[in-house]
Structures are given as C-alpha cells and as structure tokens.
Amino acid sequence: MDSDASRQLKHLWCAFIDGERDFSGIDLAGADLHHWQLTQVVLWGANLRGANLAQAHFRYAVLTEACLHNANLVQADLRGADLRDAVLTGAILSHTRLGGAVYNQRTQFPVGFSPIQAGMVPLGPGVTLPAQDLRHRDFSGADLTAANLSGALLAKSCLFGAGLQSANLLSTLLGDCDLRYTDLRQATLMQADLRGANLSYANLERANLVGANLSTCRLVGTHLHHALYSKTTQFPADFQPPPTLHCLEPEAMLVGVVLSGVQLMGLDLRGATLAEADLSQANLGDANLSGANLTGANLTGANLAGANLLGATLTKATLTGANLRATQCDPDLQQRLRCEVLG
C-alpha cells in the first residue's frame, strides 16, 4: 500500500472515531481493513480495488458505485449493504455474508456468483419484493417503476427523487420516509402507512390513496392531481382535499374520470356515477357497483370478476376483453354479458 493510501486510511480511522460516517469517493486501493468495524459507513464511489476487507463489518454500508475489483471479502459482513452499480469483478466472496444487501442490473459480480443464492435483494424496475424488510435504507434516485413492494417495510428509508411510478405499495409501511420529489404517479398506496413521511414536491398524480394513512405527512407542494382517496383515507388535520382529488365512495360523482389500470378491488361504489369513465384494465374484482351508472364507460380488459353489478347501467359501455367471471347482475345485463363473452 502506497503512502497516499496510508494517509487516506489514517484519515478514515480518525474521522470515523470522531463520528464521521460519509467517506464518499475515498481512495483506499490496496488498503488493509481486515477486521475493521465500519457499520453504516458511506463509501459511495470509493476505490477499494484490491483492498483486504476480510472479516470486516460493513453492515448497511453504502457502497453504491464503489470499486471492489479483486478485493478480499472473505467472511466479511455486508448484510444490508447497498451495492448498486458497484464493481465486484474478481472479488473473493468466500463465506461473505450478503443477506439483504441490495444490487441492481449494473452491479458487476465475479463470474459464476449468484446474488439470489447469497440472499441479496435486487432493485430495479418491475422487481417483486413483497413484505421485504428494507427499513433505514438510502434508495435516493432508485428506479423502482412498476415494482411490487406490497407489504414491504420501508420505514425511515430515503427515497428522495426515486421513481415509483405505477409501483404496488399496497399496505406498505412508509412511516417517516423521505419521499421528497419522488415519482409516485399511478402508484397503488391503498392501506399504506405514511405517517411522518415527507412528501414535499412528490408527484402523486392518479395515485391510489384509498385507506392510506397520511395523518402526519408533510405535503408542501405535493402534486395530487386526480389522486384517489376514500372516507377511510387519513390526511393531516389542516389538509383540505382539492377538487381535483377523487373520493371513491358510494354515490360518488366521477363522470369521465380516468382510472385506467387502477387497483379498485373490493371497493364500495354503490350508486356511483362513472359515466364515460375510463376503467380500461382496471381491477374491479369483487367491487360493489350495484346501482352504479357506467353509461359509456370504457371497461376494456377490466377485471370485474365477482363484482356486484345488480341494478347497474352499462348502456354503451365497452366490455371488450373484460373478465366477467362470477359477476352478479340483472337477467337482461347477464344476457348481454354472455353475448360479450361469446363475441
């Protein structure tokens, strides 16, 4: 190890003892950190090429974009670490503890290494991570478009500027999260717990907030245009839902509303006016639409399995490709639906 790396190592140790945790960009190529305890340290973009990290503790460390090429990580503890965009080519990962560590498509591993078998967590568009424990993590700017995070634990995590468009966050715990500038357009946040979260300047356009708890959220500059909520949605005490928000409840007036692809499963929309509404690809399974006015509604590809359509009006409604299995409806409508299915 050269003298410059030795100085960097000494600086790291002294600053760490004094409470410093952010060492982004530090150059520790070839350094000997054998047995070092560096839990929750930030080494974003650090150069650890060829470093000896055997038996070192890096639990929940941020190693995003770090270079760990040819590093010795034998028996090192990287559980919960952030290895997005990190380079681990040639690294020795014998008995390395990696459970819960996150990675993405750009993380580079040694030939033949399986991150899934090591218990690592993939992050990226469309990932499926239901009920995953991801608390106290920094996922700033992460692209999680259309990800399934239903029931996940994300309390006190940082998702600043993250992309969560169309993500499934059903019943997800997001308490005290940093969600500033986060893209949550068309995200499903039904029954999600967002108490204490900072949603300032986040984009929740057409997001589904039915039954969500936002009672102590920060909503400065939050974009809520055409977001959906219900009587069970809890907003801050001083918050007044603007007219552009749509309350999904019995007898709601939602003429021409765009709810394409939205999760509305099991909702009580008795007597609601949804004339000319765009409900294409929407999930209305087991929903109560008895007496609802769906005149001219677009239900192309919608899931209506088990829905209650007794007394509903579907004059000129489009039902092409809709799932009508076990739908409850009046005899005349039943005959029409049978004809729709048979073409």
Protein backbone atom coordinates (compact mmCIF):
# COMPACT_ATOMS: atom_id res chain seq x y z
CA MET A 1 0.00 0.00 0.00
CA ASP A 2 1.48 3.39 -1.00
CA SER A 3 1.93 6.36 1.34
CA ASP A 4 -1.08 8.22 -0.10
CA ALA A 5 -3.36 5.26 0.62
CA SER A 6 -1.85 5.04 4.13
CA ARG A 7 -2.74 8.69 4.74
CA GLN A 8 -6.28 8.08 3.48
CA LEU A 9 -6.61 5.07 5.77
CA LYS A 10 -5.39 7.07 8.78
CA HIS A 11 -7.83 9.87 7.89
CA LEU A 12 -10.68 7.37 7.64
CA TRP A 13 -9.93 5.86 11.02
CA CYS A 14 -9.54 9.17 12.88
CA ALA A 15 -12.66 10.68 11.30
CA PHE A 16 -14.68 7.52 11.96
CA ILE A 17 -13.71 7.57 15.64
CA ASP A 18 -14.83 11.23 15.76
CA GLY A 19 -18.27 10.24 14.42
CA GLU A 20 -17.86 10.90 10.71
CA ARG A 21 -19.65 8.35 8.51
CA ASP A 22 -19.55 9.79 4.99
CA PHE A 23 -16.36 8.93 3.10
CA SER A 24 -17.72 9.10 -0.42
CA GLY A 25 -15.04 8.91 -3.10
CA ILE A 26 -12.20 7.95 -0.76
CA ASP A 27 -9.28 6.12 -2.39
CA LEU A 28 -8.36 3.01 -0.39
CA ALA A 29 -6.97 0.88 -3.20
CA GLY A 30 -4.93 -1.96 -1.72
CA ALA A 31 -5.64 -0.84 1.86
CA ASP A 32 -5.75 -3.34 4.73
CA LEU A 33 -9.10 -3.04 6.52
CA HIS A 34 -9.01 -6.59 7.83
CA HIS A 35 -11.43 -6.89 10.80
CA TRP A 36 -12.44 -3.21 10.65
CA GLN A 37 -15.90 -2.29 12.05
CA LEU A 38 -17.49 0.14 9.58
CA THR A 39 -21.20 -0.44 10.06
CA GLN A 40 -23.45 2.08 8.22
CA VAL A 41 -20.48 3.91 6.72
CA VAL A 42 -20.97 5.74 3.40
CA LEU A 43 -18.39 4.76 0.79
CA TRP A 44 -20.28 5.96 -2.28
CA GLY A 45 -17.92 5.76 -5.27
CA ALA A 46 -14.99 4.69 -3.09
CA ASN A 47 -11.96 2.96 -4.63
CA LEU A 48 -11.39 -0.31 -2.74
CA ARG A 49 -9.70 -2.11 -5.60
CA GLY A 50 -7.56 -4.95 -4.25
CA ALA A 51 -8.29 -3.97 -0.63
CA ASN A 52 -8.14 -6.54 2.17
CA LEU A 53 -11.63 -6.46 3.69
CA ALA A 54 -11.56 -9.98 5.13
CA GLN A 55 -13.81 -10.30 8.20
CA ALA A 56 -14.58 -6.57 8.06
CA HIS A 57 -18.04 -5.37 9.10
CA PHE A 58 -19.90 -3.28 6.51
CA ARG A 59 -23.50 -3.91 7.61
CA TYR A 60 -25.86 -1.39 5.94
CA ALA A 61 -22.87 0.39 4.41
CA VAL A 62 -23.47 2.45 1.26
CA LEU A 63 -21.12 1.06 -1.38
CA THR A 64 -23.02 2.40 -4.37
CA GLU A 65 -20.70 2.81 -7.38
CA ALA A 66 -17.77 1.58 -5.27
CA CYS A 67 -14.92 -0.30 -6.94
CA LEU A 68 -14.25 -3.59 -5.14
CA HIS A 69 -12.42 -5.24 -8.03
CA ASN A 70 -10.14 -8.02 -6.74
CA ALA A 71 -10.96 -7.10 -3.13
CA ASN A 72 -10.65 -9.78 -0.45
CA LEU A 73 -14.08 -10.09 1.19
CA VAL A 74 -13.60 -13.49 2.84
CA GLN A 75 -16.00 -13.76 5.80
CA ALA A 76 -16.82 -10.05 5.53
CA ASP A 77 -20.25 -8.91 6.78
CA LEU A 78 -22.10 -6.88 4.10
CA ARG A 79 -25.61 -7.68 5.21
CA GLY A 80 -27.99 -4.90 4.17
CA ALA A 81 -25.28 -3.03 2.27
CA ASP A 82 -26.10 -1.01 -0.84
CA LEU A 83 -24.12 -2.40 -3.76
CA ARG A 84 -25.99 -0.75 -6.63
CA ASP A 85 -23.63 -0.04 -9.54
CA ALA A 86 -20.72 -1.48 -7.54
CA VAL A 87 -17.90 -3.40 -9.25
CA LEU A 88 -17.04 -6.71 -7.56
CA THR A 89 -15.39 -8.44 -10.50
CA GLY A 90 -12.60 -10.68 -9.29
CA ALA A 91 -13.56 -10.13 -5.64
CA ILE A 92 -13.15 -13.08 -3.25
CA LEU A 93 -16.60 -13.71 -1.76
CA SER A 94 -15.89 -16.90 0.18
CA HIS A 95 -18.29 -17.08 3.17
CA THR A 96 -19.16 -13.40 2.71
CA ARG A 97 -22.43 -12.51 4.45
CA LEU A 98 -24.62 -10.69 1.92
CA GLY A 99 -28.16 -11.33 3.14
CA GLY A 100 -30.41 -8.34 2.45
CA ALA A 101 -27.73 -6.44 0.55
CA VAL A 102 -29.20 -4.65 -2.46
CA TYR A 103 -27.93 -4.59 -6.02
CA ASN A 104 -29.17 -3.65 -9.48
CA GLN A 105 -28.63 -4.67 -13.08
CA ARG A 106 -25.42 -2.65 -13.27
CA THR A 107 -23.77 -4.30 -10.25
CA GLN A 108 -20.86 -6.42 -11.52
CA PHE A 109 -20.17 -9.72 -9.75
CA PRO A 110 -17.42 -12.35 -10.08
CA VAL A 111 -18.00 -14.95 -12.78
CA GLY A 112 -20.38 -17.66 -11.56
CA PHE A 113 -21.58 -15.74 -8.49
CA SER A 114 -25.36 -15.86 -7.80
CA PRO A 115 -26.65 -12.86 -5.80
CA ILE A 116 -30.04 -14.52 -5.35
CA GLN A 117 -28.47 -17.60 -3.75
CA ALA A 118 -26.49 -15.27 -1.48
CA GLY A 119 -29.77 -13.77 -0.24
CA MET A 120 -29.28 -10.41 -1.90
CA VAL A 121 -32.17 -8.15 -2.90
CA PRO A 122 -32.49 -6.92 -6.50
CA LEU A 123 -33.60 -3.33 -7.01
CA GLY A 124 -34.87 -2.05 -10.32
CA PRO A 125 -37.94 -1.55 -12.50
CA GLY A 126 -40.57 -4.27 -12.09
CA VAL A 127 -38.90 -6.11 -9.20
CA THR A 128 -41.12 -8.19 -6.92
CA LEU A 129 -40.26 -7.72 -3.24
CA PRO A 130 -43.49 -8.18 -1.23
CA ALA A 131 -43.10 -7.98 2.57
CA GLN A 132 -39.35 -7.31 2.23
CA ASP A 133 -37.65 -5.61 5.21
CA LEU A 134 -35.99 -2.52 3.71
CA ARG A 135 -36.07 -0.17 6.69
CA HIS A 136 -33.47 2.56 7.27
CA ARG A 137 -32.09 2.34 3.71
CA ASP A 138 -31.00 5.05 1.29
CA PHE A 139 -32.62 4.45 -2.09
CA SER A 140 -32.30 8.02 -3.35
CA GLY A 141 -32.96 8.18 -7.07
CA ALA A 142 -33.62 4.44 -7.40
CA ASP A 143 -35.70 3.39 -10.40
CA LEU A 144 -38.47 1.19 -8.99
CA THR A 145 -41.03 1.79 -11.73
CA ALA A 146 -43.85 -0.78 -11.54
CA ALA A 147 -42.10 -2.59 -8.66
CA ASN A 148 -44.19 -4.79 -6.35
CA LEU A 149 -43.39 -3.67 -2.80
CA SER A 150 -46.74 -4.60 -1.28
CA GLY A 151 -46.49 -5.08 2.46
CA ALA A 152 -42.80 -4.12 2.47
CA LEU A 153 -41.20 -2.39 5.46
CA LEU A 154 -39.62 0.86 4.28
CA ALA A 155 -39.95 2.93 7.45
CA LYS A 156 -37.35 5.69 7.83
CA SER A 157 -35.85 4.94 4.42
CA CYS A 158 -34.75 7.66 2.00
CA LEU A 159 -36.46 7.54 -1.39
CA PHE A 160 -35.62 11.11 -2.35
CA GLY A 161 -36.25 11.53 -6.07
CA ALA A 162 -36.88 7.82 -6.56
CA GLY A 163 -39.02 6.55 -9.46
CA LEU A 164 -42.02 4.63 -8.13
CA GLN A 165 -44.41 5.27 -10.98
CA SER A 166 -47.12 2.56 -11.11
CA ALA A 167 -45.49 0.75 -8.17
CA ASN A 168 -47.58 -1.54 -5.96
CA LEU A 169 -47.23 -0.20 -2.41
CA LEU A 170 -50.37 -1.83 -1.03
CA SER A 171 -50.20 -1.90 2.80
CA THR A 172 -46.55 -0.83 2.67
CA LEU A 173 -45.01 0.74 5.78
CA LEU A 174 -43.55 4.10 4.70
CA GLY A 175 -43.58 5.90 8.05
CA ASP A 176 -41.02 8.72 8.43
CA CYS A 177 -39.71 8.13 4.89
CA ASP A 178 -38.05 10.87 2.88
CA LEU A 179 -40.24 10.89 -0.24
CA ARG A 180 -39.42 14.39 -1.43
CA TYR A 181 -39.57 14.76 -5.22
CA THR A 182 -40.44 11.07 -5.55
CA ASP A 183 -42.38 10.00 -8.65
CA LEU A 184 -45.46 8.14 -7.36
CA ARG A 185 -47.70 8.69 -10.36
CA GLN A 186 -50.38 5.99 -10.58
CA ALA A 187 -48.81 4.16 -7.64
CA THR A 188 -51.06 1.95 -5.50
CA LEU A 189 -50.84 3.17 -1.91
CA MET A 190 -54.04 1.58 -0.64
CA GLN A 191 -53.87 0.97 3.14
CA ALA A 192 -50.25 2.23 3.17
CA ASP A 193 -48.93 3.76 6.40
CA LEU A 194 -47.24 7.07 5.54
CA ARG A 195 -47.34 8.73 8.95
CA GLY A 196 -44.48 11.16 9.37
CA ALA A 197 -43.34 10.81 5.76
CA ASN A 198 -42.10 13.90 3.90
CA LEU A 199 -43.96 14.03 0.57
CA SER A 200 -42.97 17.59 -0.27
CA TYR A 201 -42.96 18.15 -4.05
CA ALA A 202 -43.65 14.46 -4.69
CA ASN A 203 -45.80 13.62 -7.71
CA LEU A 204 -48.83 11.51 -6.74
CA GLU A 205 -50.87 12.19 -9.86
CA ARG A 206 -53.57 9.46 -10.18
CA ALA A 207 -52.09 7.62 -7.19
CA ASN A 208 -54.46 5.36 -5.24
CA LEU A 209 -54.63 6.58 -1.62
CA VAL A 210 -57.74 4.65 -0.62
CA GLY A 211 -57.47 3.83 3.09
CA ALA A 212 -53.93 5.24 3.33
CA ASN A 213 -52.73 6.99 6.50
CA LEU A 214 -51.16 10.37 5.73
CA SER A 215 -52.25 11.95 9.01
CA THR A 216 -48.85 13.45 9.90
CA CYS A 217 -47.31 13.74 6.44
CA ARG A 218 -45.63 16.83 5.08
CA LEU A 219 -47.43 17.79 1.87
CA VAL A 220 -45.73 21.05 0.82
CA GLY A 221 -46.01 21.38 -2.95
CA THR A 222 -47.19 17.78 -3.30
CA HIS A 223 -48.85 17.12 -6.68
CA LEU A 224 -52.12 15.23 -6.07
CA HIS A 225 -53.94 15.89 -9.34
CA HIS A 226 -56.60 13.18 -9.91
CA ALA A 227 -55.35 11.08 -6.98
CA LEU A 228 -57.91 8.72 -5.44
CA TYR A 229 -58.95 8.58 -1.82
CA SER A 230 -61.79 7.33 0.37
CA LYS A 231 -63.51 8.22 3.62
CA THR A 232 -61.00 5.98 5.38
CA THR A 233 -58.01 7.90 3.98
CA GLN A 234 -56.42 9.96 6.76
CA PHE A 235 -54.98 13.34 5.80
CA PRO A 236 -53.23 15.91 8.04
CA ALA A 237 -55.67 17.85 10.23
CA ASP A 238 -55.23 21.11 8.29
CA PHE A 239 -55.45 19.47 4.84
CA GLN A 240 -58.48 20.07 2.64
CA PRO A 241 -58.67 17.70 -0.38
CA PRO A 242 -58.78 19.89 -3.51
CA PRO A 243 -61.50 19.34 -6.13
CA THR A 244 -59.01 17.53 -8.37
CA LEU A 245 -58.87 14.62 -5.91
CA HIS A 246 -61.48 11.90 -6.44
CA CYS A 247 -63.20 10.37 -3.45
CA LEU A 248 -64.15 6.75 -4.15
CA GLU A 249 -67.28 6.12 -2.11
CA PRO A 250 -70.93 5.17 -2.61
CA GLU A 251 -72.81 7.64 -4.85
CA ALA A 252 -69.61 9.46 -5.82
CA MET A 253 -69.82 11.73 -8.89
CA LEU A 254 -66.95 10.65 -11.14
CA VAL A 255 -68.13 11.49 -14.65
CA GLY A 256 -65.35 10.97 -17.22
CA VAL A 257 -62.75 10.11 -14.59
CA VAL A 258 -59.63 8.33 -15.85
CA LEU A 259 -58.96 5.21 -13.75
CA SER A 260 -57.19 3.12 -16.34
CA GLY A 261 -55.20 0.28 -14.78
CA VAL A 262 -56.05 1.34 -11.22
CA GLN A 263 -56.48 -1.16 -8.36
CA LEU A 264 -60.12 -0.81 -7.20
CA MET A 265 -60.61 -4.36 -5.97
CA GLY A 266 -63.36 -4.78 -3.38
CA LEU A 267 -64.31 -1.08 -3.25
CA ASP A 268 -67.84 0.01 -2.34
CA LEU A 269 -69.03 2.17 -5.25
CA ARG A 270 -72.77 1.60 -4.89
CA GLY A 271 -74.75 4.14 -6.87
CA ALA A 272 -71.62 5.91 -8.08
CA THR A 273 -71.76 7.85 -11.33
CA LEU A 274 -68.95 6.64 -13.57
CA ALA A 275 -70.46 7.63 -16.90
CA GLU A 276 -67.86 7.93 -19.68
CA ALA A 277 -65.16 6.87 -17.19
CA ASP A 278 -62.01 5.21 -18.47
CA LEU A 279 -61.76 1.98 -16.47
CA SER A 280 -59.76 0.06 -19.04
CA GLN A 281 -57.50 -2.59 -17.44
CA ALA A 282 -58.77 -1.52 -14.00
CA ASN A 283 -59.07 -4.17 -11.29
CA LEU A 284 -62.68 -4.07 -10.06
CA GLY A 285 -62.73 -7.62 -8.78
CA ASP A 286 -65.35 -8.09 -6.02
CA ALA A 287 -66.21 -4.39 -6.16
CA ASN A 288 -69.74 -3.32 -5.26
CA LEU A 289 -71.08 -1.43 -8.27
CA SER A 290 -74.75 -2.10 -7.61
CA GLY A 291 -76.87 0.73 -8.99
CA ALA A 292 -73.82 2.43 -10.47
CA ASN A 293 -74.10 4.48 -13.65
CA LEU A 294 -71.46 3.17 -16.08
CA THR A 295 -73.05 4.59 -19.22
CA GLY A 296 -70.46 4.86 -21.97
CA ALA A 297 -67.69 3.69 -19.63
CA ASN A 298 -64.59 2.07 -21.11
CA LEU A 299 -64.14 -1.29 -19.36
CA THR A 300 -61.84 -2.80 -21.95
CA GLY A 301 -59.75 -5.51 -20.34
CA ALA A 302 -61.08 -4.64 -16.87
CA ASN A 303 -61.30 -7.28 -14.15
CA LEU A 304 -64.93 -7.50 -13.00
CA ALA A 305 -64.69 -11.00 -11.56
CA GLY A 306 -67.08 -11.33 -8.63
CA ALA A 307 -68.22 -7.70 -8.94
CA ASN A 308 -71.78 -6.75 -7.96
CA LEU A 309 -73.47 -5.08 -10.95
CA LEU A 310 -77.08 -5.54 -9.79
CA GLY A 311 -79.08 -2.53 -10.97
CA ALA A 312 -76.05 -1.03 -12.71
CA THR A 313 -76.41 0.82 -16.01
CA LEU A 314 -73.89 -0.15 -18.69
CA THR A 315 -75.56 1.36 -21.75
CA LYS A 316 -72.95 1.85 -24.50
CA ALA A 317 -70.22 0.67 -22.12
CA THR A 318 -67.27 -1.10 -23.79
CA LEU A 319 -66.54 -4.52 -22.27
CA THR A 320 -64.09 -5.96 -24.80
CA GLY A 321 -61.74 -8.41 -23.07
CA ALA A 322 -63.22 -7.78 -19.64
CA ASN A 323 -63.12 -10.57 -17.04
CA LEU A 324 -66.80 -11.13 -16.19
CA ARG A 325 -66.45 -14.38 -14.29
CA ALA A 326 -68.94 -14.80 -11.40
CA THR A 327 -70.24 -11.24 -11.91
CA GLN A 328 -73.56 -10.54 -10.17
CA CYS A 329 -76.01 -8.72 -12.41
CA ASP A 330 -79.66 -8.44 -13.54
CA PRO A 331 -81.01 -11.03 -16.05
CA ASP A 332 -81.03 -8.64 -19.02
CA LEU A 333 -77.48 -7.49 -18.32
CA GLN A 334 -76.45 -11.08 -17.76
CA GLN A 335 -77.68 -11.91 -21.25
CA ARG A 336 -75.71 -9.01 -22.69
CA LEU A 337 -72.56 -10.01 -20.85
CA ARG A 338 -72.96 -13.56 -22.10
CA CYS A 339 -73.09 -12.20 -25.63
CA GLU A 340 -69.96 -10.09 -24.93
CA VAL A 341 -68.05 -13.17 -23.81
CA LEU A 342 -69.22 -15.23 -26.75
CA GLY A 343 -68.49 -12.42 -29.14
